[in-house]
Amino acid sequence: MDTDDIAPPPRAGDPVGLLGKQDLDPLSVRELEGRIAALEAEIARTRTHMARAVSHRAVADQLFKR
């Protein structure tokens, strides 16, 4: 299965789309490990933000009894 089958086409200037197009061949193992660490940190940051948004929405729904 190709990732094009499950992901929407990247928008112009989309950072995630650009990441997927970068050539990894010139990177050393150390550079690849650093890249993975940075991406994992960004995933954690995004999940934290998403959890806060869900919590905020639940509080608002409860406040306004939706």
C-alpha atoms as a PDB file:
ATOM      1  CA  MET A   1       0.000   0.000   0.000  1.00  0.00           C
ATOM      2  CA  ASP A   2       1.311   3.406  -0.965  1.00  0.00           C
ATOM      3  CA  THR A   3       1.029   6.269   1.522  1.00  0.00           C
ATOM      4  CA  ASP A   4      -0.696   8.288  -1.207  1.00  0.00           C
ATOM      5  CA  ASP A   5      -3.646   5.929  -0.721  1.00  0.00           C
ATOM      6  CA  ILE A   6      -4.197   6.962   2.907  1.00  0.00           C
ATOM      7  CA  ALA A   7      -2.941  10.539   3.186  1.00  0.00           C
ATOM      8  CA  PRO A   8      -4.316  13.606   1.462  1.00  0.00           C
ATOM      9  CA  PRO A   9      -1.948  15.288  -0.989  1.00  0.00           C
ATOM     10  CA  PRO A  10       0.289  17.832   0.758  1.00  0.00           C
ATOM     11  CA  ARG A  11      -0.564  21.501   0.405  1.00  0.00           C
ATOM     12  CA  ALA A  12       2.060  23.847  -0.985  1.00  0.00           C
ATOM     13  CA  GLY A  13       4.535  24.632   1.776  1.00  0.00           C
ATOM     14  CA  ASP A  14       3.094  21.943   4.081  1.00  0.00           C
ATOM     15  CA  PRO A  15       5.938  21.070   6.499  1.00  0.00           C
ATOM     16  CA  VAL A  16       4.804  17.451   6.916  1.00  0.00           C
ATOM     17  CA  GLY A  17       4.580  16.982   3.177  1.00  0.00           C
ATOM     18  CA  LEU A  18       8.020  18.492   2.728  1.00  0.00           C
ATOM     19  CA  LEU A  19       9.443  16.158   5.380  1.00  0.00           C
ATOM     20  CA  GLY A  20       8.155  13.166   3.469  1.00  0.00           C
ATOM     21  CA  LYS A  21       9.879  14.320   0.307  1.00  0.00           C
ATOM     22  CA  GLN A  22      13.317  14.927   1.807  1.00  0.00           C
ATOM     23  CA  ASP A  23      16.074  12.632   0.582  1.00  0.00           C
ATOM     24  CA  LEU A  24      17.381  10.670   3.567  1.00  0.00           C
ATOM     25  CA  ASP A  25      20.255   9.016   1.663  1.00  0.00           C
ATOM     26  CA  PRO A  26      22.868  11.694   2.443  1.00  0.00           C
ATOM     27  CA  LEU A  27      22.159  11.583   6.202  1.00  0.00           C
ATOM     28  CA  SER A  28      24.365   9.643   8.579  1.00  0.00           C
ATOM     29  CA  VAL A  29      22.980   7.257  11.175  1.00  0.00           C
ATOM     30  CA  ARG A  30      23.627   9.908  13.827  1.00  0.00           C
ATOM     31  CA  GLU A  31      21.735  12.504  11.814  1.00  0.00           C
ATOM     32  CA  LEU A  32      18.864  10.081  11.268  1.00  0.00           C
ATOM     33  CA  GLU A  33      18.719   9.382  15.021  1.00  0.00           C
ATOM     34  CA  GLY A  34      18.584  13.125  15.670  1.00  0.00           C
ATOM     35  CA  ARG A  35      15.828  13.502  13.105  1.00  0.00           C
ATOM     36  CA  ILE A  36      13.815  10.719  14.747  1.00  0.00           C
ATOM     37  CA  ALA A  37      14.292  12.292  18.192  1.00  0.00           C
ATOM     38  CA  ALA A  38      13.111  15.674  16.883  1.00  0.00           C
ATOM     39  CA  LEU A  39      10.071  14.120  15.205  1.00  0.00           C
ATOM     40  CA  GLU A  40       9.179  12.147  18.348  1.00  0.00           C
ATOM     41  CA  ALA A  41       9.428  15.346  20.411  1.00  0.00           C
ATOM     42  CA  GLU A  42       7.113  17.100  17.953  1.00  0.00           C
ATOM     43  CA  ILE A  43       4.643  14.200  18.134  1.00  0.00           C
ATOM     44  CA  ALA A  44       4.632  14.453  21.941  1.00  0.00           C
ATOM     45  CA  ARG A  45       4.100  18.230  21.750  1.00  0.00           C
ATOM     46  CA  THR A  46       1.247  17.779  19.295  1.00  0.00           C
ATOM     47  CA  ARG A  47      -0.429  15.103  21.431  1.00  0.00           C
ATOM     48  CA  THR A  48      -0.186  17.341  24.505  1.00  0.00           C
ATOM     49  CA  HIS A  49      -1.772  20.203  22.602  1.00  0.00           C
ATOM     50  CA  MET A  50      -4.514  17.928  21.291  1.00  0.00           C
ATOM     51  CA  ALA A  51      -5.265  16.624  24.810  1.00  0.00           C
ATOM     52  CA  ARG A  52      -5.542  20.207  26.082  1.00  0.00           C
ATOM     53  CA  ALA A  53      -7.912  21.082  23.230  1.00  0.00           C
ATOM     54  CA  VAL A  54     -10.122  18.056  23.953  1.00  0.00           C
ATOM     55  CA  SER A  55     -10.165  18.887  27.666  1.00  0.00           C
ATOM     56  CA  HIS A  56     -10.971  22.525  26.987  1.00  0.00           C
ATOM     57  CA  ARG A  57     -13.827  21.495  24.711  1.00  0.00           C
ATOM     58  CA  ALA A  58     -15.220  19.101  27.345  1.00  0.00           C
ATOM     59  CA  VAL A  59     -15.170  21.859  29.956  1.00  0.00           C
ATOM     60  CA  ALA A  60     -16.914  24.255  27.574  1.00  0.00           C
ATOM     61  CA  ASP A  61     -19.520  21.642  26.659  1.00  0.00           C
ATOM     62  CA  GLN A  62     -20.186  20.984  30.337  1.00  0.00           C
ATOM     63  CA  LEU A  63     -20.409  24.692  31.086  1.00  0.00           C
ATOM     64  CA  PHE A  64     -22.921  25.261  28.307  1.00  0.00           C
ATOM     65  CA  LYS A  65     -24.559  21.836  28.795  1.00  0.00           C
ATOM     66  CA  ARG A  66     -24.231  20.618  25.242  1.00  0.00           C
END
